[in-house]
């Protein structure tokens, strides 16, 4: 449990999921998916603004 606590302190993504490995992986993939969606949304907006600027 102490090692788990050290891992949770080191890595913010795993902090909420102290006990089960599955929930820790789910949390990790959920957060990476959110980051990818943010990047994707930014790229879509950027492409749209470029299209709008050059028409």
Protein backbone atom coordinates (compact mmCIF):
# COMPACT_ATOMS: atom_id res chain seq x y z
CA UNK A 1 0.00 0.00 0.00
CA UNK A 2 2.91 2.33 0.70
CA UNK A 3 4.36 1.68 -2.75
CA UNK A 4 0.94 2.38 -4.23
CA UNK A 5 0.82 5.68 -2.41
CA UNK A 6 4.26 6.63 -3.77
CA UNK A 7 3.14 5.81 -7.31
CA UNK A 8 0.01 7.88 -6.80
CA UNK A 9 2.04 10.81 -5.53
CA UNK A 10 4.41 10.60 -8.47
CA UNK A 11 1.79 10.34 -11.17
CA UNK A 12 -1.32 12.45 -10.89
CA UNK A 13 -3.29 10.30 -13.32
CA UNK A 14 -3.21 7.28 -11.04
CA UNK A 15 -3.90 9.21 -7.82
CA UNK A 16 -7.64 8.51 -7.63
CA UNK A 17 -7.32 4.76 -8.20
CA UNK A 18 -5.34 3.37 -5.30
CA UNK A 19 -6.48 -0.22 -5.11
CA UNK A 20 -7.46 -1.91 -8.35
CA UNK A 21 -5.22 -1.97 -11.38
CA UNK A 22 -8.19 -2.11 -13.75
CA UNK A 23 -9.69 1.13 -12.49
CA UNK A 24 -6.27 2.79 -12.70
CA UNK A 25 -5.95 1.76 -16.34
CA UNK A 26 -9.50 2.93 -17.06
CA UNK A 27 -8.73 6.30 -15.50
CA UNK A 28 -5.51 6.60 -17.50
CA UNK A 29 -7.21 5.81 -20.81
CA UNK A 30 -10.14 8.09 -20.02
CA UNK A 31 -7.81 11.04 -19.40
CA UNK A 32 -5.64 10.37 -22.46
CA UNK A 33 -8.79 10.14 -24.57
CA UNK A 34 -9.93 13.52 -23.21
CA UNK A 35 -6.56 15.05 -24.10
CA UNK A 36 -6.75 13.61 -27.62
CA UNK A 37 -10.26 15.02 -28.04
CA UNK A 38 -9.04 18.46 -26.96
CA UNK A 39 -6.23 18.33 -29.53
CA UNK A 40 -8.63 17.09 -32.20
CA UNK A 41 -11.15 19.84 -31.46
CA UNK A 42 -8.41 22.45 -31.67
CA UNK A 43 -7.23 21.07 -35.02
CA UNK A 44 -10.78 21.11 -36.40
CA UNK A 45 -11.27 24.71 -35.28
CA UNK A 46 -7.90 25.72 -36.69
CA UNK A 47 -8.64 24.10 -40.07
CA UNK A 48 -12.04 25.75 -40.15
CA UNK A 49 -10.58 29.18 -39.38
CA UNK A 50 -7.97 28.73 -42.15
CA UNK A 51 -10.69 27.77 -44.64
CA UNK A 52 -12.71 30.79 -43.58
CA UNK A 53 -9.73 33.14 -43.86
CA UNK A 54 -8.76 32.13 -47.40
CA UNK A 55 -12.19 32.06 -49.00
